[in-house]
PDB file of all heavy atoms in Angstrom:
ATOM      1  N   SER A   1       0.126   3.999   6.115  1.00  0.00           N
ATOM      2  CA  SER A   1       0.242   5.425   6.385  1.00  0.00           C
ATOM      3  C   SER A   1       1.234   6.023   5.391  1.00  0.00           C
ATOM      4  O   SER A   1       1.926   5.299   4.683  1.00  0.00           O
ATOM      5  CB  SER A   1       0.702   5.679   7.823  1.00  0.00           C
ATOM      6  OG  SER A   1       1.988   5.121   8.038  1.00  0.00           O
ATOM      7  N   ARG A   2       1.279   7.334   5.367  1.00  0.00           N
ATOM      8  CA  ARG A   2       2.216   7.997   4.462  1.00  0.00           C
ATOM      9  C   ARG A   2       2.686   9.306   5.062  1.00  0.00           C
ATOM     10  O   ARG A   2       1.992   9.926   5.876  1.00  0.00           O
ATOM     11  CB  ARG A   2       1.588   8.227   3.092  1.00  0.00           C
ATOM     12  CG  ARG A   2       0.430   9.214   3.077  1.00  0.00           C
ATOM     13  CD  ARG A   2      -0.310   9.177   1.731  1.00  0.00           C
ATOM     14  NE  ARG A   2       0.515   9.636   0.625  1.00  0.00           N
ATOM     15  CZ  ARG A   2       0.246   9.374  -0.655  1.00  0.00           C
ATOM     16  NH1 ARG A   2      -0.819   8.637  -0.973  1.00  0.00           N
ATOM     17  NH2 ARG A   2       1.030   9.836  -1.614  1.00  0.00           N
ATOM     18  N   ASP A   3       3.849   9.728   4.633  1.00  0.00           N
ATOM     19  CA  ASP A   3       4.414  11.014   5.014  1.00  0.00           C
ATOM     20  C   ASP A   3       4.775  11.726   3.717  1.00  0.00           C
ATOM     21  O   ASP A   3       5.809  11.414   3.104  1.00  0.00           O
ATOM     22  CB  ASP A   3       5.640  10.803   5.900  1.00  0.00           C
ATOM     23  CG  ASP A   3       6.220  12.106   6.430  1.00  0.00           C
ATOM     24  OD1 ASP A   3       5.948  13.163   5.828  1.00  0.00           O
ATOM     25  OD2 ASP A   3       6.940  12.068   7.425  1.00  0.00           O
ATOM     26  N   ASN A   4       3.933  12.635   3.289  1.00  0.00           N
ATOM     27  CA  ASN A   4       4.160  13.291   2.009  1.00  0.00           C
ATOM     28  C   ASN A   4       5.401  14.184   2.017  1.00  0.00           C
ATOM     29  O   ASN A   4       6.006  14.414   0.979  1.00  0.00           O
ATOM     30  CB  ASN A   4       2.927  14.093   1.597  1.00  0.00           C
ATOM     31  CG  ASN A   4       1.796  13.195   1.145  1.00  0.00           C
ATOM     32  OD1 ASN A   4       1.983  11.999   0.880  1.00  0.00           O
ATOM     33  ND2 ASN A   4       0.596  13.762   1.076  1.00  0.00           N
ATOM     34  N   ALA A   5       5.784  14.672   3.183  1.00  0.00           N
ATOM     35  CA  ALA A   5       6.995  15.485   3.270  1.00  0.00           C
ATOM     36  C   ALA A   5       8.243  14.642   2.989  1.00  0.00           C
ATOM     37  O   ALA A   5       9.266  15.168   2.549  1.00  0.00           O
ATOM     38  CB  ALA A   5       7.099  16.129   4.641  1.00  0.00           C
ATOM     39  N   LYS A   6       8.142  13.341   3.267  1.00  0.00           N
ATOM     40  CA  LYS A   6       9.266  12.436   3.041  1.00  0.00           C
ATOM     41  C   LYS A   6       9.083  11.561   1.804  1.00  0.00           C
ATOM     42  O   LYS A   6       9.908  10.691   1.526  1.00  0.00           O
ATOM     43  CB  LYS A   6       9.472  11.542   4.271  1.00  0.00           C
ATOM     44  CG  LYS A   6       9.860  12.299   5.524  1.00  0.00           C
ATOM     45  CD  LYS A   6      10.081  11.351   6.692  1.00  0.00           C
ATOM     46  CE  LYS A   6      10.510  12.116   7.936  1.00  0.00           C
ATOM     47  NZ  LYS A   6      10.719  11.198   9.096  1.00  0.00           N
ATOM     48  N   ASN A   7       7.993  11.776   1.081  1.00  0.00           N
ATOM     49  CA  ASN A   7       7.708  10.949  -0.098  1.00  0.00           C
ATOM     50  C   ASN A   7       7.763   9.456   0.231  1.00  0.00           C
ATOM     51  O   ASN A   7       8.328   8.660  -0.531  1.00  0.00           O
ATOM     52  CB  ASN A   7       8.681  11.256  -1.242  1.00  0.00           C
ATOM     53  CG  ASN A   7       8.307  12.500  -2.018  1.00  0.00           C
ATOM     54  OD1 ASN A   7       7.500  13.302  -1.569  1.00  0.00           O
ATOM     55  ND2 ASN A   7       8.904  12.678  -3.185  1.00  0.00           N
ATOM     56  N   THR A   8       7.169   9.088   1.342  1.00  0.00           N
ATOM     57  CA  THR A   8       7.277   7.711   1.814  1.00  0.00           C
ATOM     58  C   THR A   8       5.917   7.193   2.281  1.00  0.00           C
ATOM     59  O   THR A   8       5.161   7.931   2.924  1.00  0.00           O
ATOM     60  CB  THR A   8       8.291   7.602   2.961  1.00  0.00           C
ATOM     61  OG1 THR A   8       9.572   8.076   2.507  1.00  0.00           O
ATOM     62  CG2 THR A   8       8.442   6.163   3.425  1.00  0.00           C
ATOM     63  N   VAL A   9       5.657   5.942   1.944  1.00  0.00           N
ATOM     64  CA  VAL A   9       4.474   5.262   2.434  1.00  0.00           C
ATOM     65  C   VAL A   9       4.938   4.072   3.273  1.00  0.00           C
ATOM     66  O   VAL A   9       5.980   3.485   3.003  1.00  0.00           O
ATOM     67  CB  VAL A   9       3.565   4.807   1.271  1.00  0.00           C
ATOM     68  CG1 VAL A   9       4.256   3.810   0.358  1.00  0.00           C
ATOM     69  CG2 VAL A   9       2.243   4.246   1.786  1.00  0.00           C
ATOM     70  N   TYR A  10       4.172   3.766   4.302  1.00  0.00           N
ATOM     71  CA  TYR A  10       4.544   2.729   5.249  1.00  0.00           C
ATOM     72  C   TYR A  10       3.456   1.663   5.341  1.00  0.00           C
ATOM     73  O   TYR A  10       2.280   1.930   5.097  1.00  0.00           O
ATOM     74  CB  TYR A  10       4.759   3.324   6.649  1.00  0.00           C
ATOM     75  CG  TYR A  10       5.750   4.456   6.687  1.00  0.00           C
ATOM     76  CD1 TYR A  10       5.321   5.779   6.659  1.00  0.00           C
ATOM     77  CD2 TYR A  10       7.119   4.211   6.752  1.00  0.00           C
ATOM     78  CE1 TYR A  10       6.231   6.833   6.696  1.00  0.00           C
ATOM     79  CE2 TYR A  10       8.038   5.254   6.790  1.00  0.00           C
ATOM     80  CZ  TYR A  10       7.580   6.554   6.763  1.00  0.00           C
ATOM     81  OH  TYR A  10       8.491   7.589   6.794  1.00  0.00           O
ATOM     82  N   LEU A  11       3.868   0.486   5.739  1.00  0.00           N
ATOM     83  CA  LEU A  11       2.925  -0.573   6.056  1.00  0.00           C
ATOM     84  C   LEU A  11       3.375  -1.206   7.365  1.00  0.00           C
ATOM     85  O   LEU A  11       4.420  -1.863   7.416  1.00  0.00           O
ATOM     86  CB  LEU A  11       2.861  -1.623   4.948  1.00  0.00           C
ATOM     87  CG  LEU A  11       1.800  -2.704   5.146  1.00  0.00           C
ATOM     88  CD1 LEU A  11       0.395  -2.088   4.992  1.00  0.00           C
ATOM     89  CD2 LEU A  11       1.979  -3.854   4.166  1.00  0.00           C
ATOM     90  N   GLN A  12       2.619  -0.934   8.413  1.00  0.00           N
ATOM     91  CA  GLN A  12       2.884  -1.544   9.715  1.00  0.00           C
ATOM     92  C   GLN A  12       2.163  -2.876   9.777  1.00  0.00           C
ATOM     93  O   GLN A  12       0.942  -2.930   9.564  1.00  0.00           O
ATOM     94  CB  GLN A  12       2.408  -0.624  10.838  1.00  0.00           C
ATOM     95  CG  GLN A  12       2.603  -1.199  12.224  1.00  0.00           C
ATOM     96  CD  GLN A  12       4.059  -1.292  12.639  1.00  0.00           C
ATOM     97  OE1 GLN A  12       4.857  -0.398  12.341  1.00  0.00           O
ATOM     98  NE2 GLN A  12       4.422  -2.367  13.315  1.00  0.00           N
ATOM     99  N   ILE A  13       2.913  -3.925  10.050  1.00  0.00           N
ATOM    100  CA  ILE A  13       2.340  -5.263  10.095  1.00  0.00           C
ATOM    101  C   ILE A  13       2.533  -5.820  11.504  1.00  0.00           C
ATOM    102  O   ILE A  13       3.674  -5.973  11.956  1.00  0.00           O
ATOM    103  CB  ILE A  13       3.001  -6.215   9.079  1.00  0.00           C
ATOM    104  CG1 ILE A  13       3.043  -5.576   7.683  1.00  0.00           C
ATOM    105  CG2 ILE A  13       2.269  -7.533   9.033  1.00  0.00           C
ATOM    106  CD1 ILE A  13       3.800  -6.403   6.663  1.00  0.00           C
ATOM    107  N   ASN A  14       1.455  -6.113  12.168  1.00  0.00           N
ATOM    108  CA  ASN A  14       1.501  -6.665  13.520  1.00  0.00           C
ATOM    109  C   ASN A  14       0.979  -8.093  13.535  1.00  0.00           C
ATOM    110  O   ASN A  14       0.303  -8.528  12.612  1.00  0.00           O
ATOM    111  CB  ASN A  14       0.671  -5.805  14.467  1.00  0.00           C
ATOM    112  CG  ASN A  14       1.199  -4.394  14.580  1.00  0.00           C
ATOM    113  OD1 ASN A  14       2.407  -4.150  14.520  1.00  0.00           O
ATOM    114  ND2 ASN A  14       0.296  -3.437  14.724  1.00  0.00           N
ATOM    115  N   SER A  15       1.292  -8.800  14.614  1.00  0.00           N
ATOM    116  CA  SER A  15       0.810 -10.176  14.794  1.00  0.00           C
ATOM    117  C   SER A  15       1.038 -11.012  13.536  1.00  0.00           C
ATOM    118  O   SER A  15       0.122 -11.657  13.021  1.00  0.00           O
ATOM    119  CB  SER A  15      -0.681 -10.163  15.156  1.00  0.00           C
ATOM    120  OG  SER A  15      -0.906  -9.404  16.322  1.00  0.00           O
ATOM    121  N   LEU A  16       2.268 -11.000  13.065  1.00  0.00           N
ATOM    122  CA  LEU A  16       2.592 -11.688  11.818  1.00  0.00           C
ATOM    123  C   LEU A  16       2.289 -13.182  11.905  1.00  0.00           C
ATOM    124  O   LEU A  16       2.488 -13.816  12.961  1.00  0.00           O
ATOM    125  CB  LEU A  16       4.062 -11.474  11.472  1.00  0.00           C
ATOM    126  CG  LEU A  16       4.354 -10.162  10.746  1.00  0.00           C
ATOM    127  CD1 LEU A  16       5.793  -9.737  10.934  1.00  0.00           C
ATOM    128  CD2 LEU A  16       4.023 -10.305   9.262  1.00  0.00           C
ATOM    129  N   LYS A  17       1.814 -13.718  10.792  1.00  0.00           N
ATOM    130  CA  LYS A  17       1.489 -15.123  10.675  1.00  0.00           C
ATOM    131  C   LYS A  17       2.318 -15.746   9.547  1.00  0.00           C
ATOM    132  O   LYS A  17       2.703 -15.026   8.613  1.00  0.00           O
ATOM    133  CB  LYS A  17      -0.002 -15.297  10.353  1.00  0.00           C
ATOM    134  CG  LYS A  17      -0.940 -14.652  11.339  1.00  0.00           C
ATOM    135  CD  LYS A  17      -2.382 -14.780  10.868  1.00  0.00           C
ATOM    136  CE  LYS A  17      -3.339 -14.116  11.849  1.00  0.00           C
ATOM    137  NZ  LYS A  17      -4.755 -14.251  11.404  1.00  0.00           N
ATOM    138  N   PRO A  18       2.571 -17.037   9.610  1.00  0.00           N
ATOM    139  CA  PRO A  18       3.324 -17.667   8.504  1.00  0.00           C
ATOM    140  C   PRO A  18       2.695 -17.414   7.138  1.00  0.00           C
ATOM    141  O   PRO A  18       3.423 -17.276   6.146  1.00  0.00           O
ATOM    142  CB  PRO A  18       3.295 -19.147   8.878  1.00  0.00           C
ATOM    143  CG  PRO A  18       3.218 -19.150  10.371  1.00  0.00           C
ATOM    144  CD  PRO A  18       2.339 -17.976  10.718  1.00  0.00           C
ATOM    145  N   GLU A  19       1.386 -17.306   7.085  1.00  0.00           N
ATOM    146  CA  GLU A  19       0.721 -17.064   5.797  1.00  0.00           C
ATOM    147  C   GLU A  19       0.930 -15.643   5.275  1.00  0.00           C
ATOM    148  O   GLU A  19       0.536 -15.331   4.151  1.00  0.00           O
ATOM    149  CB  GLU A  19      -0.776 -17.377   5.883  1.00  0.00           C
ATOM    150  CG  GLU A  19      -1.509 -16.723   7.018  1.00  0.00           C
ATOM    151  CD  GLU A  19      -1.643 -17.633   8.231  1.00  0.00           C
ATOM    152  OE1 GLU A  19      -0.648 -18.321   8.583  1.00  0.00           O
ATOM    153  OE2 GLU A  19      -2.737 -17.654   8.824  1.00  0.00           O
ATOM    154  N   ASP A  20       1.562 -14.788   6.073  1.00  0.00           N
ATOM    155  CA  ASP A  20       1.923 -13.451   5.586  1.00  0.00           C
ATOM    156  C   ASP A  20       3.230 -13.485   4.777  1.00  0.00           C
ATOM    157  O   ASP A  20       3.623 -12.464   4.198  1.00  0.00           O
ATOM    158  CB  ASP A  20       2.097 -12.478   6.751  1.00  0.00           C
ATOM    159  CG  ASP A  20       0.797 -12.195   7.479  1.00  0.00           C
ATOM    160  OD1 ASP A  20      -0.255 -12.079   6.815  1.00  0.00           O
ATOM    161  OD2 ASP A  20       0.840 -12.096   8.726  1.00  0.00           O
ATOM    162  N   THR A  21       3.886 -14.621   4.763  1.00  0.00           N
ATOM    163  CA  THR A  21       5.131 -14.746   4.010  1.00  0.00           C
ATOM    164  C   THR A  21       4.885 -14.477   2.534  1.00  0.00           C
ATOM    165  O   THR A  21       4.039 -15.122   1.905  1.00  0.00           O
ATOM    166  CB  THR A  21       5.731 -16.146   4.198  1.00  0.00           C
ATOM    167  OG1 THR A  21       6.113 -16.318   5.561  1.00  0.00           O
ATOM    168  CG2 THR A  21       6.949 -16.346   3.308  1.00  0.00           C
ATOM    169  N   ALA A  22       5.619 -13.515   1.993  1.00  0.00           N
ATOM    170  CA  ALA A  22       5.430 -13.108   0.602  1.00  0.00           C
ATOM    171  C   ALA A  22       6.440 -12.015   0.267  1.00  0.00           C
ATOM    172  O   ALA A  22       7.097 -11.464   1.166  1.00  0.00           O
ATOM    173  CB  ALA A  22       4.018 -12.575   0.368  1.00  0.00           C
ATOM    174  N   VAL A  23       6.527 -11.704  -1.004  1.00  0.00           N
ATOM    175  CA  VAL A  23       7.205 -10.481  -1.421  1.00  0.00           C
ATOM    176  C   VAL A  23       6.169  -9.367  -1.399  1.00  0.00           C
ATOM    177  O   VAL A  23       5.082  -9.510  -1.979  1.00  0.00           O
ATOM    178  CB  VAL A  23       7.826 -10.619  -2.815  1.00  0.00           C
ATOM    179  CG1 VAL A  23       8.481  -9.294  -3.243  1.00  0.00           C
ATOM    180  CG2 VAL A  23       8.841 -11.755  -2.839  1.00  0.00           C
ATOM    181  N   TYR A  24       6.504  -8.285  -0.729  1.00  0.00           N
ATOM    182  CA  TYR A  24       5.587  -7.155  -0.611  1.00  0.00           C
ATOM    183  C   TYR A  24       6.033  -6.046  -1.551  1.00  0.00           C
ATOM    184  O   TYR A  24       7.207  -5.650  -1.546  1.00  0.00           O
ATOM    185  CB  TYR A  24       5.552  -6.651   0.833  1.00  0.00           C
ATOM    186  CG  TYR A  24       4.742  -7.543   1.730  1.00  0.00           C
ATOM    187  CD1 TYR A  24       5.208  -8.810   2.087  1.00  0.00           C
ATOM    188  CD2 TYR A  24       3.494  -7.148   2.207  1.00  0.00           C
ATOM    189  CE1 TYR A  24       4.452  -9.653   2.889  1.00  0.00           C
ATOM    190  CE2 TYR A  24       2.734  -7.975   3.016  1.00  0.00           C
ATOM    191  CZ  TYR A  24       3.219  -9.225   3.351  1.00  0.00           C
ATOM    192  OH  TYR A  24       2.467 -10.056   4.149  1.00  0.00           O
ATOM    193  N   TYR A  25       5.088  -5.567  -2.333  1.00  0.00           N
ATOM    194  CA  TYR A  25       5.354  -4.531  -3.327  1.00  0.00           C
ATOM    195  C   TYR A  25       4.550  -3.278  -3.023  1.00  0.00           C
ATOM    196  O   TYR A  25       3.388  -3.376  -2.622  1.00  0.00           O
ATOM    197  CB  TYR A  25       4.948  -4.997  -4.723  1.00  0.00           C
ATOM    198  CG  TYR A  25       5.678  -6.209  -5.241  1.00  0.00           C
ATOM    199  CD1 TYR A  25       5.192  -7.490  -5.007  1.00  0.00           C
ATOM    200  CD2 TYR A  25       6.851  -6.074  -5.984  1.00  0.00           C
ATOM    201  CE1 TYR A  25       5.854  -8.605  -5.501  1.00  0.00           C
ATOM    202  CE2 TYR A  25       7.518  -7.184  -6.477  1.00  0.00           C
ATOM    203  CZ  TYR A  25       7.011  -8.443  -6.222  1.00  0.00           C
ATOM    204  OH  TYR A  25       7.666  -9.544  -6.719  1.00  0.00           O
ATOM    205  N   CYS A  26       5.150  -2.132  -3.242  1.00  0.00           N
ATOM    206  CA  CYS A  26       4.349  -0.917  -3.234  1.00  0.00           C
ATOM    207  C   CYS A  26       4.114  -0.464  -4.674  1.00  0.00           C
ATOM    208  O   CYS A  26       4.893  -0.795  -5.576  1.00  0.00           O
ATOM    209  CB  CYS A  26       4.972   0.180  -2.391  1.00  0.00           C
ATOM    210  SG  CYS A  26       6.428   0.969  -3.081  1.00  0.00           S
ATOM    211  N   ALA A  27       3.048   0.255  -4.851  1.00  0.00           N
ATOM    212  CA  ALA A  27       2.641   0.694  -6.174  1.00  0.00           C
ATOM    213  C   ALA A  27       2.054   2.092  -6.083  1.00  0.00           C
ATOM    214  O   ALA A  27       1.550   2.496  -5.031  1.00  0.00           O
ATOM    215  CB  ALA A  27       1.618  -0.277  -6.765  1.00  0.00           C
ATOM    216  N   ALA A  28       2.106   2.809  -7.203  1.00  0.00           N
ATOM    217  CA  ALA A  28       1.602   4.187  -7.234  1.00  0.00           C
ATOM    218  C   ALA A  28       0.764   4.418  -8.478  1.00  0.00           C
ATOM    219  O   ALA A  28       1.066   3.900  -9.561  1.00  0.00           O
ATOM    220  CB  ALA A  28       2.771   5.170  -7.202  1.00  0.00           C
ATOM    221  N   GLU A  29      -0.289   5.202  -8.296  1.00  0.00           N
ATOM    222  CA  GLU A  29      -1.133   5.576  -9.409  1.00  0.00           C
ATOM    223  C   GLU A  29      -1.705   6.959  -9.136  1.00  0.00           C
ATOM    224  O   GLU A  29      -2.187   7.235  -8.025  1.00  0.00           O
ATOM    225  CB  GLU A  29      -2.263   4.565  -9.615  1.00  0.00           C
ATOM    226  CG  GLU A  29      -3.210   4.903 -10.736  1.00  0.00           C
ATOM    227  CD  GLU A  29      -2.531   4.927 -12.108  1.00  0.00           C
ATOM    228  OE1 GLU A  29      -1.477   4.287 -12.271  1.00  0.00           O
ATOM    229  OE2 GLU A  29      -3.062   5.593 -13.021  1.00  0.00           O
ATOM    230  N   SER A  30      -1.674   7.816 -10.155  1.00  0.00           N
ATOM    231  CA  SER A  30      -2.220   9.162 -10.011  1.00  0.00           C
ATOM    232  C   SER A  30      -3.742   9.104 -10.011  1.00  0.00           C
ATOM    233  O   SER A  30      -4.352   8.631 -10.963  1.00  0.00           O
ATOM    234  CB  SER A  30      -1.725  10.042 -11.157  1.00  0.00           C
ATOM    235  OG  SER A  30      -2.234  11.345 -11.017  1.00  0.00           O
ATOM    236  N   VAL A  31      -4.345   9.575  -8.929  1.00  0.00           N
ATOM    237  CA  VAL A  31      -5.808   9.555  -8.777  1.00  0.00           C
ATOM    238  C   VAL A  31      -6.240  10.904  -8.213  1.00  0.00           C
ATOM    239  O   VAL A  31      -5.664  11.386  -7.247  1.00  0.00           O
ATOM    240  CB  VAL A  31      -6.255   8.425  -7.827  1.00  0.00           C
ATOM    241  CG1 VAL A  31      -7.762   8.497  -7.595  1.00  0.00           C
ATOM    242  CG2 VAL A  31      -5.854   7.070  -8.387  1.00  0.00           C
ATOM    243  N   LEU A  32      -7.277  11.496  -8.803  1.00  0.00           N
ATOM    244  CA  LEU A  32      -7.680  12.841  -8.400  1.00  0.00           C
ATOM    245  C   LEU A  32      -8.324  12.876  -7.023  1.00  0.00           C
ATOM    246  O   LEU A  32      -8.002  13.733  -6.196  1.00  0.00           O
ATOM    247  CB  LEU A  32      -8.631  13.427  -9.434  1.00  0.00           C
ATOM    248  CG  LEU A  32      -8.006  13.900 -10.751  1.00  0.00           C
ATOM    249  CD1 LEU A  32      -9.089  14.438 -11.684  1.00  0.00           C
ATOM    250  CD2 LEU A  32      -6.958  14.977 -10.491  1.00  0.00           C
ATOM    251  N   PHE A  33      -9.259  11.951  -6.772  1.00  0.00           N
ATOM    252  CA  PHE A  33     -10.014  12.024  -5.520  1.00  0.00           C
ATOM    253  C   PHE A  33     -10.166  10.644  -4.897  1.00  0.00           C
ATOM    254  O   PHE A  33     -10.550   9.688  -5.563  1.00  0.00           O
ATOM    255  CB  PHE A  33     -11.408  12.606  -5.766  1.00  0.00           C
ATOM    256  CG  PHE A  33     -11.415  13.974  -6.351  1.00  0.00           C
ATOM    257  CD1 PHE A  33     -11.821  14.181  -7.660  1.00  0.00           C
ATOM    258  CD2 PHE A  33     -11.011  15.072  -5.607  1.00  0.00           C
ATOM    259  CE1 PHE A  33     -11.816  15.443  -8.214  1.00  0.00           C
ATOM    260  CE2 PHE A  33     -11.003  16.341  -6.150  1.00  0.00           C
ATOM    261  CZ  PHE A  33     -11.404  16.533  -7.459  1.00  0.00           C
ATOM    262  N   GLY A  34      -9.885  10.554  -3.614  1.00  0.00           N
ATOM    263  CA  GLY A  34     -10.163   9.351  -2.862  1.00  0.00           C
ATOM    264  C   GLY A  34      -9.450   8.121  -3.380  1.00  0.00           C
ATOM    265  O   GLY A  34      -8.360   8.212  -3.967  1.00  0.00           O
ATOM    266  N   ILE A  35     -10.051   6.970  -3.117  1.00  0.00           N
ATOM    267  CA  ILE A  35      -9.509   5.685  -3.586  1.00  0.00           C
ATOM    268  C   ILE A  35     -10.648   4.903  -4.220  1.00  0.00           C
ATOM    269  O   ILE A  35     -11.444   4.269  -3.506  1.00  0.00           O
ATOM    270  CB  ILE A  35      -8.907   4.852  -2.440  1.00  0.00           C
ATOM    271  CG1 ILE A  35      -7.938   5.660  -1.599  1.00  0.00           C
ATOM    272  CG2 ILE A  35      -8.203   3.620  -3.012  1.00  0.00           C
ATOM    273  CD1 ILE A  35      -7.418   4.897  -0.402  1.00  0.00           C
ATOM    274  N   PRO A  36     -10.748   4.904  -5.524  1.00  0.00           N
ATOM    275  CA  PRO A  36     -11.751   4.054  -6.172  1.00  0.00           C
ATOM    276  C   PRO A  36     -11.524   2.589  -5.841  1.00  0.00           C
ATOM    277  O   PRO A  36     -10.383   2.168  -5.620  1.00  0.00           O
ATOM    278  CB  PRO A  36     -11.522   4.311  -7.665  1.00  0.00           C
ATOM    279  CG  PRO A  36     -10.763   5.602  -7.731  1.00  0.00           C
ATOM    280  CD  PRO A  36      -9.952   5.660  -6.479  1.00  0.00           C
ATOM    281  N   GLN A  37     -12.583   1.814  -5.776  1.00  0.00           N
ATOM    282  CA  GLN A  37     -12.460   0.385  -5.473  1.00  0.00           C
ATOM    283  C   GLN A  37     -11.572  -0.337  -6.482  1.00  0.00           C
ATOM    284  O   GLN A  37     -10.936  -1.343  -6.148  1.00  0.00           O
ATOM    285  CB  GLN A  37     -13.848  -0.264  -5.434  1.00  0.00           C
ATOM    286  CG  GLN A  37     -14.668   0.112  -4.213  1.00  0.00           C
ATOM    287  CD  GLN A  37     -14.094  -0.468  -2.933  1.00  0.00           C
ATOM    288  OE1 GLN A  37     -13.666  -1.617  -2.868  1.00  0.00           O
ATOM    289  NE2 GLN A  37     -14.082   0.344  -1.884  1.00  0.00           N
ATOM    290  N   ARG A  38     -11.489   0.203  -7.679  1.00  0.00           N
ATOM    291  CA  ARG A  38     -10.651  -0.441  -8.691  1.00  0.00           C
ATOM    292  C   ARG A  38      -9.169  -0.436  -8.310  1.00  0.00           C
ATOM    293  O   ARG A  38      -8.368  -1.179  -8.892  1.00  0.00           O
ATOM    294  CB  ARG A  38     -10.813   0.246 -10.048  1.00  0.00           C
ATOM    295  CG  ARG A  38     -10.430   1.733 -10.045  1.00  0.00           C
ATOM    296  CD  ARG A  38     -10.650   2.352 -11.425  1.00  0.00           C
ATOM    297  NE  ARG A  38     -10.451   3.796 -11.410  1.00  0.00           N
ATOM    298  CZ  ARG A  38      -9.280   4.388 -11.522  1.00  0.00           C
ATOM    299  NH1 ARG A  38      -8.182   3.670 -11.645  1.00  0.00           N
ATOM    300  NH2 ARG A  38      -9.194   5.714 -11.502  1.00  0.00           N
ATOM    301  N   MET A  39      -8.797   0.370  -7.325  1.00  0.00           N
ATOM    302  CA  MET A  39      -7.398   0.424  -6.909  1.00  0.00           C
ATOM    303  C   MET A  39      -6.982  -0.813  -6.124  1.00  0.00           C
ATOM    304  O   MET A  39      -5.827  -0.922  -5.700  1.00  0.00           O
ATOM    305  CB  MET A  39      -7.123   1.679  -6.088  1.00  0.00           C
ATOM    306  CG  MET A  39      -7.439   2.997  -6.809  1.00  0.00           C
ATOM    307  SD  MET A  39      -6.782   3.063  -8.502  1.00  0.00           S
ATOM    308  CE  MET A  39      -5.032   3.019  -8.189  1.00  0.00           C
ATOM    309  N   LYS A  40      -7.894  -1.754  -5.942  1.00  0.00           N
ATOM    310  CA  LYS A  40      -7.540  -3.047  -5.365  1.00  0.00           C
ATOM    311  C   LYS A  40      -6.973  -3.987  -6.431  1.00  0.00           C
ATOM    312  O   LYS A  40      -6.512  -5.081  -6.112  1.00  0.00           O
ATOM    313  CB  LYS A  40      -8.762  -3.705  -4.728  1.00  0.00           C
ATOM    314  CG  LYS A  40      -9.280  -2.975  -3.494  1.00  0.00           C
ATOM    315  CD  LYS A  40     -10.457  -3.726  -2.897  1.00  0.00           C
ATOM    316  CE  LYS A  40     -10.934  -3.071  -1.608  1.00  0.00           C
ATOM    317  NZ  LYS A  40     -12.074  -3.806  -1.007  1.00  0.00           N
ATOM    318  N   VAL A  41      -7.008  -3.555  -7.665  1.00  0.00           N
ATOM    319  CA  VAL A  41      -6.564  -4.394  -8.786  1.00  0.00           C
ATOM    320  C   VAL A  41      -5.157  -3.983  -9.200  1.00  0.00           C
ATOM    321  O   VAL A  41      -4.912  -2.807  -9.495  1.00  0.00           O
ATOM    322  CB  VAL A  41      -7.533  -4.251  -9.973  1.00  0.00           C
ATOM    323  CG1 VAL A  41      -7.035  -5.078 -11.151  1.00  0.00           C
ATOM    324  CG2 VAL A  41      -8.930  -4.659  -9.548  1.00  0.00           C
ATOM    325  N   PRO A  42      -4.212  -4.930  -9.242  1.00  0.00           N
ATOM    326  CA  PRO A  42      -2.827  -4.555  -9.574  1.00  0.00           C
ATOM    327  C   PRO A  42      -2.693  -3.840 -10.921  1.00  0.00           C
ATOM    328  O   PRO A  42      -1.868  -2.933 -11.058  1.00  0.00           O
ATOM    329  CB  PRO A  42      -2.109  -5.906  -9.591  1.00  0.00           C
ATOM    330  CG  PRO A  42      -2.922  -6.806  -8.743  1.00  0.00           C
ATOM    331  CD  PRO A  42      -4.340  -6.351  -8.900  1.00  0.00           C
ATOM    332  N   GLN A  43      -3.512  -4.218 -11.879  1.00  0.00           N
ATOM    333  CA  GLN A  43      -3.388  -3.647 -13.218  1.00  0.00           C
ATOM    334  C   GLN A  43      -3.729  -2.162 -13.262  1.00  0.00           C
ATOM    335  O   GLN A  43      -3.437  -1.496 -14.251  1.00  0.00           O
ATOM    336  CB  GLN A  43      -4.277  -4.413 -14.206  1.00  0.00           C
ATOM    337  CG  GLN A  43      -3.783  -5.812 -14.527  1.00  0.00           C
ATOM    338  CD  GLN A  43      -4.109  -6.830 -13.446  1.00  0.00           C
ATOM    339  OE1 GLN A  43      -4.743  -6.525 -12.431  1.00  0.00           O
ATOM    340  NE2 GLN A  43      -3.668  -8.059 -13.670  1.00  0.00           N
TER     341      GLN A  43
END
């Protein structure tokens, strides 16, 4: 989720599993409309 008034994006994680252990990163990219499938790619 996100709150544009606060310039903040959130990730709520429930029912955590040991395999969720990781460093979590947020990323931003300027996109005009929607979310292209290519936005699943870190690059």
